[in-house]
């Protein structure tokens, strides 16, 4: 008779944070603290809005690094 070996459950597993809904976090950050997180390639933005976001990012933080 084979008895299956019980799997060990780490006691720290219950302390891991739940997977966050990133859009909800961004929305809450904007509403509560006026912090805006925008991906310059977000398809919800039109060309002019994406270009505006890119230029603000480059002005504040320098050019994007590739590679």
PDB file of N, CA and C in Angstrom:
ATOM      1  N   UNK A   1       0.842  -1.176   0.000  1.00  0.00           N
ATOM      2  CA  UNK A   1       0.000   0.000   0.000  1.00  0.00           C
ATOM      3  C   UNK A   1       0.888   1.241   0.000  1.00  0.00           C
ATOM      4  N   UNK A   2       0.624   2.105  -0.965  1.00  0.00           N
ATOM      5  CA  UNK A   2       1.410   3.334  -1.060  1.00  0.00           C
ATOM      6  C   UNK A   2       0.664   4.481  -0.404  1.00  0.00           C
ATOM      7  N   UNK A   3       1.337   5.159   0.479  1.00  0.00           N
ATOM      8  CA  UNK A   3       0.767   6.330   1.144  1.00  0.00           C
ATOM      9  C   UNK A   3       1.441   7.559   0.542  1.00  0.00           C
ATOM     10  N   UNK A   4       0.644   8.471  -0.005  1.00  0.00           N
ATOM     11  CA  UNK A   4       1.262   9.656  -0.615  1.00  0.00           C
ATOM     12  C   UNK A   4       1.956  10.516   0.441  1.00  0.00           C
ATOM     13  N   UNK A   5       3.102  11.038   0.064  1.00  0.00           N
ATOM     14  CA  UNK A   5       3.855  11.909   0.950  1.00  0.00           C
ATOM     15  C   UNK A   5       3.157  13.265   0.993  1.00  0.00           C
ATOM     16  N   UNK A   6       2.839  13.758   2.180  1.00  0.00           N
ATOM     17  CA  UNK A   6       2.176  15.064   2.251  1.00  0.00           C
ATOM     18  C   UNK A   6       3.135  16.169   1.793  1.00  0.00           C
ATOM     19  N   UNK A   7       2.587  17.133   1.093  1.00  0.00           N
ATOM     20  CA  UNK A   7       3.419  18.246   0.654  1.00  0.00           C
ATOM     21  C   UNK A   7       3.596  19.219   1.813  1.00  0.00           C
ATOM     22  N   UNK A   8       4.796  19.728   1.927  1.00  0.00           N
ATOM     23  CA  UNK A   8       5.109  20.665   2.994  1.00  0.00           C
ATOM     24  C   UNK A   8       4.598  22.043   2.622  1.00  0.00           C
ATOM     25  N   UNK A   9       3.840  22.642   3.484  1.00  0.00           N
ATOM     26  CA  UNK A   9       3.331  23.991   3.261  1.00  0.00           C
ATOM     27  C   UNK A   9       4.112  24.945   4.131  1.00  0.00           C
ATOM     28  N   UNK A  10       4.773  25.862   3.502  1.00  0.00           N
ATOM     29  CA  UNK A  10       5.600  26.829   4.203  1.00  0.00           C
ATOM     30  C   UNK A  10       4.711  27.747   5.040  1.00  0.00           C
ATOM     31  N   UNK A  11       5.041  27.951   6.315  1.00  0.00           N
ATOM     32  CA  UNK A  11       4.233  28.832   7.152  1.00  0.00           C
ATOM     33  C   UNK A  11       4.296  30.290   6.708  1.00  0.00           C
ATOM     34  N   UNK A  12       5.288  30.654   5.914  1.00  0.00           N
ATOM     35  CA  UNK A  12       5.388  32.025   5.441  1.00  0.00           C
ATOM     36  C   UNK A  12       4.476  32.292   4.242  1.00  0.00           C
ATOM     37  N   UNK A  13       3.931  31.250   3.655  1.00  0.00           N
ATOM     38  CA  UNK A  13       3.077  31.406   2.486  1.00  0.00           C
ATOM     39  C   UNK A  13       1.878  32.299   2.734  1.00  0.00           C
ATOM     40  N   UNK A  14       1.342  32.247   3.924  1.00  0.00           N
ATOM     41  CA  UNK A  14       0.169  33.078   4.231  1.00  0.00           C
ATOM     42  C   UNK A  14       0.521  34.555   4.351  1.00  0.00           C
ATOM     43  N   UNK A  15       1.812  34.867   4.472  1.00  0.00           N
ATOM     44  CA  UNK A  15       2.245  36.249   4.605  1.00  0.00           C
ATOM     45  C   UNK A  15       2.537  36.914   3.264  1.00  0.00           C
ATOM     46  N   UNK A  16       2.518  36.122   2.178  1.00  0.00           N
ATOM     47  CA  UNK A  16       2.772  36.706   0.871  1.00  0.00           C
ATOM     48  C   UNK A  16       1.606  37.594   0.484  1.00  0.00           C
ATOM     49  N   UNK A  17       1.915  38.761  -0.100  1.00  0.00           N
ATOM     50  CA  UNK A  17       0.830  39.656  -0.510  1.00  0.00           C
ATOM     51  C   UNK A  17       0.043  39.066  -1.674  1.00  0.00           C
ATOM     52  N   UNK A  18      -1.200  39.444  -1.743  1.00  0.00           N
ATOM     53  CA  UNK A  18      -2.036  39.026  -2.863  1.00  0.00           C
ATOM     54  C   UNK A  18      -1.552  39.723  -4.126  1.00  0.00           C
ATOM     55  N   UNK A  19      -1.814  39.133  -5.261  1.00  0.00           N
ATOM     56  CA  UNK A  19      -1.459  39.757  -6.523  1.00  0.00           C
ATOM     57  C   UNK A  19      -2.288  41.021  -6.683  1.00  0.00           C
ATOM     58  N   UNK A  20      -1.608  42.124  -6.922  1.00  0.00           N
ATOM     59  CA  UNK A  20      -2.278  43.421  -6.995  1.00  0.00           C
ATOM     60  C   UNK A  20      -2.790  43.694  -8.407  1.00  0.00           C
ATOM     61  N   UNK A  21      -3.911  44.342  -8.492  1.00  0.00           N
ATOM     62  CA  UNK A  21      -4.436  44.827  -9.762  1.00  0.00           C
ATOM     63  C   UNK A  21      -3.728  46.151 -10.028  1.00  0.00           C
ATOM     64  N   UNK A  22      -2.775  46.146 -10.975  1.00  0.00           N
ATOM     65  CA  UNK A  22      -1.943  47.319 -11.190  1.00  0.00           C
ATOM     66  C   UNK A  22      -2.743  48.531 -11.639  1.00  0.00           C
ATOM     67  N   UNK A  23      -3.750  48.326 -12.445  1.00  0.00           N
ATOM     68  CA  UNK A  23      -4.574  49.462 -12.875  1.00  0.00           C
ATOM     69  C   UNK A  23      -5.283  50.094 -11.681  1.00  0.00           C
ATOM     70  N   UNK A  24      -5.746  49.272 -10.740  1.00  0.00           N
ATOM     71  CA  UNK A  24      -6.401  49.808  -9.545  1.00  0.00           C
ATOM     72  C   UNK A  24      -5.413  50.588  -8.680  1.00  0.00           C
ATOM     73  N   UNK A  25      -4.176  50.101  -8.600  1.00  0.00           N
ATOM     74  CA  UNK A  25      -3.147  50.799  -7.823  1.00  0.00           C
ATOM     75  C   UNK A  25      -2.860  52.158  -8.457  1.00  0.00           C
ATOM     76  N   UNK A  26      -2.728  52.190  -9.792  1.00  0.00           N
ATOM     77  CA  UNK A  26      -2.488  53.458 -10.489  1.00  0.00           C
ATOM     78  C   UNK A  26      -3.650  54.422 -10.280  1.00  0.00           C
ATOM     79  N   UNK A  27      -4.858  53.889 -10.378  1.00  0.00           N
ATOM     80  CA  UNK A  27      -6.050  54.735 -10.211  1.00  0.00           C
ATOM     81  C   UNK A  27      -6.108  55.315  -8.804  1.00  0.00           C
ATOM     82  N   UNK A  28      -5.830  54.479  -7.809  1.00  0.00           N
ATOM     83  CA  UNK A  28      -5.857  54.948  -6.424  1.00  0.00           C
ATOM     84  C   UNK A  28      -4.744  55.973  -6.179  1.00  0.00           C
ATOM     85  N   UNK A  29      -3.566  55.757  -6.788  1.00  0.00           N
ATOM     86  CA  UNK A  29      -2.463  56.713  -6.647  1.00  0.00           C
ATOM     87  C   UNK A  29      -2.819  58.069  -7.217  1.00  0.00           C
ATOM     88  N   UNK A  30      -3.522  58.079  -8.341  1.00  0.00           N
ATOM     89  CA  UNK A  30      -3.919  59.346  -8.945  1.00  0.00           C
ATOM     90  C   UNK A  30      -4.970  60.037  -8.092  1.00  0.00           C
ATOM     91  N   UNK A  31      -5.965  59.297  -7.666  1.00  0.00           N
ATOM     92  CA  UNK A  31      -7.069  59.899  -6.900  1.00  0.00           C
ATOM     93  C   UNK A  31      -6.629  60.376  -5.521  1.00  0.00           C
ATOM     94  N   UNK A  32      -5.759  59.599  -4.866  1.00  0.00           N
ATOM     95  CA  UNK A  32      -5.382  59.930  -3.491  1.00  0.00           C
ATOM     96  C   UNK A  32      -4.202  60.903  -3.413  1.00  0.00           C
ATOM     97  N   UNK A  33      -3.209  60.742  -4.313  1.00  0.00           N
ATOM     98  CA  UNK A  33      -1.972  61.500  -4.171  1.00  0.00           C
ATOM     99  C   UNK A  33      -1.581  62.280  -5.420  1.00  0.00           C
ATOM    100  N   UNK A  34      -2.418  62.260  -6.434  1.00  0.00           N
ATOM    101  CA  UNK A  34      -2.143  62.939  -7.702  1.00  0.00           C
ATOM    102  C   UNK A  34      -0.822  62.492  -8.317  1.00  0.00           C
ATOM    103  N   UNK A  35      -0.553  61.184  -8.236  1.00  0.00           N
ATOM    104  CA  UNK A  35       0.609  60.585  -8.877  1.00  0.00           C
ATOM    105  C   UNK A  35       0.112  59.856 -10.113  1.00  0.00           C
ATOM    106  N   UNK A  36       0.655  60.215 -11.260  1.00  0.00           N
ATOM    107  CA  UNK A  36       0.221  59.625 -12.518  1.00  0.00           C
ATOM    108  C   UNK A  36       1.301  58.692 -13.046  1.00  0.00           C
ATOM    109  N   UNK A  37       0.918  57.454 -13.332  1.00  0.00           N
ATOM    110  CA  UNK A  37       1.817  56.464 -13.915  1.00  0.00           C
ATOM    111  C   UNK A  37       1.262  56.123 -15.281  1.00  0.00           C
ATOM    112  N   UNK A  38       2.043  56.460 -16.324  1.00  0.00           N
ATOM    113  CA  UNK A  38       1.572  56.261 -17.692  1.00  0.00           C
ATOM    114  C   UNK A  38       2.661  55.577 -18.506  1.00  0.00           C
ATOM    115  N   UNK A  39       2.284  54.543 -19.212  1.00  0.00           N
ATOM    116  CA  UNK A  39       3.188  53.905 -20.160  1.00  0.00           C
ATOM    117  C   UNK A  39       3.102  54.697 -21.456  1.00  0.00           C
ATOM    118  N   UNK A  40       4.230  55.155 -21.969  1.00  0.00           N
ATOM    119  CA  UNK A  40       4.232  55.963 -23.184  1.00  0.00           C
ATOM    120  C   UNK A  40       3.714  55.187 -24.392  1.00  0.00           C
ATOM    121  N   UNK A  41       3.642  53.877 -24.301  1.00  0.00           N
ATOM    122  CA  UNK A  41       3.140  53.057 -25.410  1.00  0.00           C
ATOM    123  C   UNK A  41       1.701  52.583 -25.167  1.00  0.00           C
ATOM    124  N   UNK A  42       1.021  53.159 -24.196  1.00  0.00           N
ATOM    125  CA  UNK A  42      -0.357  52.749 -23.872  1.00  0.00           C
ATOM    126  C   UNK A  42      -1.266  52.988 -25.078  1.00  0.00           C
ATOM    127  N   UNK A  43      -1.918  51.942 -25.527  1.00  0.00           N
ATOM    128  CA  UNK A  43      -2.759  52.023 -26.723  1.00  0.00           C
ATOM    129  C   UNK A  43      -4.038  52.824 -26.506  1.00  0.00           C
ATOM    130  N   UNK A  44      -4.357  53.131 -25.259  1.00  0.00           N
ATOM    131  CA  UNK A  44      -5.547  53.953 -24.990  1.00  0.00           C
ATOM    132  C   UNK A  44      -5.302  55.418 -25.336  1.00  0.00           C
ATOM    133  N   UNK A  45      -4.024  55.785 -25.510  1.00  0.00           N
ATOM    134  CA  UNK A  45      -3.667  57.154 -25.856  1.00  0.00           C
ATOM    135  C   UNK A  45      -3.508  57.277 -27.363  1.00  0.00           C
ATOM    136  N   UNK A  46      -3.843  58.448 -27.881  1.00  0.00           N
ATOM    137  CA  UNK A  46      -3.600  58.660 -29.312  1.00  0.00           C
ATOM    138  C   UNK A  46      -2.145  59.106 -29.499  1.00  0.00           C
ATOM    139  N   UNK A  47      -1.733  59.306 -30.734  1.00  0.00           N
ATOM    140  CA  UNK A  47      -0.340  59.629 -31.040  1.00  0.00           C
ATOM    141  C   UNK A  47       0.129  60.881 -30.315  1.00  0.00           C
ATOM    142  N   UNK A  48      -0.668  61.911 -30.324  1.00  0.00           N
ATOM    143  CA  UNK A  48      -0.265  63.181 -29.710  1.00  0.00           C
ATOM    144  C   UNK A  48      -0.095  63.015 -28.196  1.00  0.00           C
ATOM    145  N   UNK A  49      -0.993  62.290 -27.554  1.00  0.00           N
ATOM    146  CA  UNK A  49      -0.886  62.064 -26.098  1.00  0.00           C
ATOM    147  C   UNK A  49       0.351  61.235 -25.770  1.00  0.00           C
ATOM    148  N   UNK A  50       0.634  60.182 -26.564  1.00  0.00           N
ATOM    149  CA  UNK A  50       1.833  59.370 -26.327  1.00  0.00           C
ATOM    150  C   UNK A  50       3.099  60.209 -26.493  1.00  0.00           C
ATOM    151  N   UNK A  51       3.117  61.055 -27.509  1.00  0.00           N
ATOM    152  CA  UNK A  51       4.270  61.919 -27.749  1.00  0.00           C
ATOM    153  C   UNK A  51       4.442  62.914 -26.601  1.00  0.00           C
ATOM    154  N   UNK A  52       3.349  63.436 -26.094  1.00  0.00           N
ATOM    155  CA  UNK A  52       3.379  64.365 -24.964  1.00  0.00           C
ATOM    156  C   UNK A  52       3.963  63.683 -23.725  1.00  0.00           C
ATOM    157  N   UNK A  53       3.515  62.473 -23.452  1.00  0.00           N
ATOM    158  CA  UNK A  53       4.028  61.711 -22.303  1.00  0.00           C
ATOM    159  C   UNK A  53       5.518  61.443 -22.476  1.00  0.00           C
ATOM    160  N   UNK A  54       5.926  61.053 -23.686  1.00  0.00           N
ATOM    161  CA  UNK A  54       7.334  60.771 -23.954  1.00  0.00           C
ATOM    162  C   UNK A  54       8.192  62.015 -23.721  1.00  0.00           C
ATOM    163  N   UNK A  55       7.726  63.163 -24.204  1.00  0.00           N
ATOM    164  CA  UNK A  55       8.500  64.402 -24.046  1.00  0.00           C
ATOM    165  C   UNK A  55       8.593  64.827 -22.581  1.00  0.00           C
ATOM    166  N   UNK A  56       7.521  64.651 -21.833  1.00  0.00           N
ATOM    167  CA  UNK A  56       7.574  64.979 -20.395  1.00  0.00           C
ATOM    168  C   UNK A  56       8.585  64.068 -19.708  1.00  0.00           C
ATOM    169  N   UNK A  57       8.533  62.777 -20.006  1.00  0.00           N
ATOM    170  CA  UNK A  57       9.475  61.833 -19.408  1.00  0.00           C
ATOM    171  C   UNK A  57      10.915  62.178 -19.730  1.00  0.00           C
ATOM    172  N   UNK A  58      11.186  62.520 -20.993  1.00  0.00           N
ATOM    173  CA  UNK A  58      12.545  62.877 -21.377  1.00  0.00           C
ATOM    174  C   UNK A  58      12.988  64.178 -20.719  1.00  0.00           C
ATOM    175  N   UNK A  59      12.080  65.112 -20.577  1.00  0.00           N
ATOM    176  CA  UNK A  59      12.436  66.383 -19.944  1.00  0.00           C
ATOM    177  C   UNK A  59      12.755  66.191 -18.463  1.00  0.00           C
ATOM    178  N   UNK A  60      11.963  65.381 -17.784  1.00  0.00           N
ATOM    179  CA  UNK A  60      12.164  65.190 -16.353  1.00  0.00           C
ATOM    180  C   UNK A  60      13.280  64.202 -16.027  1.00  0.00           C
ATOM    181  N   UNK A  61      13.410  63.158 -16.838  1.00  0.00           N
ATOM    182  CA  UNK A  61      14.303  62.047 -16.466  1.00  0.00           C
ATOM    183  C   UNK A  61      15.381  61.734 -17.495  1.00  0.00           C
ATOM    184  N   UNK A  62      15.447  62.485 -18.585  1.00  0.00           N
ATOM    185  CA  UNK A  62      16.444  62.211 -19.619  1.00  0.00           C
ATOM    186  C   UNK A  62      15.889  61.256 -20.662  1.00  0.00           C
ATOM    187  N   UNK A  63      16.670  61.002 -21.674  1.00  0.00           N
ATOM    188  CA  UNK A  63      16.248  60.137 -22.775  1.00  0.00           C
ATOM    189  C   UNK A  63      16.120  58.685 -22.353  1.00  0.00           C
ATOM    190  N   UNK A  64      15.300  57.958 -23.093  1.00  0.00           N
ATOM    191  CA  UNK A  64      15.107  56.531 -22.820  1.00  0.00           C
ATOM    192  C   UNK A  64      16.348  55.765 -23.235  1.00  0.00           C
ATOM    193  N   UNK A  65      16.703  54.751 -22.465  1.00  0.00           N
ATOM    194  CA  UNK A  65      17.860  53.906 -22.784  1.00  0.00           C
ATOM    195  C   UNK A  65      17.376  52.638 -23.448  1.00  0.00           C
ATOM    196  N   UNK A  66      18.003  52.263 -24.525  1.00  0.00           N
ATOM    197  CA  UNK A  66      17.634  51.054 -25.244  1.00  0.00           C
ATOM    198  C   UNK A  66      18.773  50.055 -25.129  1.00  0.00           C
ATOM    199  N   UNK A  67      18.398  48.807 -24.931  1.00  0.00           N
ATOM    200  CA  UNK A  67      19.436  47.787 -24.931  1.00  0.00           C
ATOM    201  C   UNK A  67      19.572  47.158 -23.620  1.00  0.00           C
TER     202      UNK A  67
END
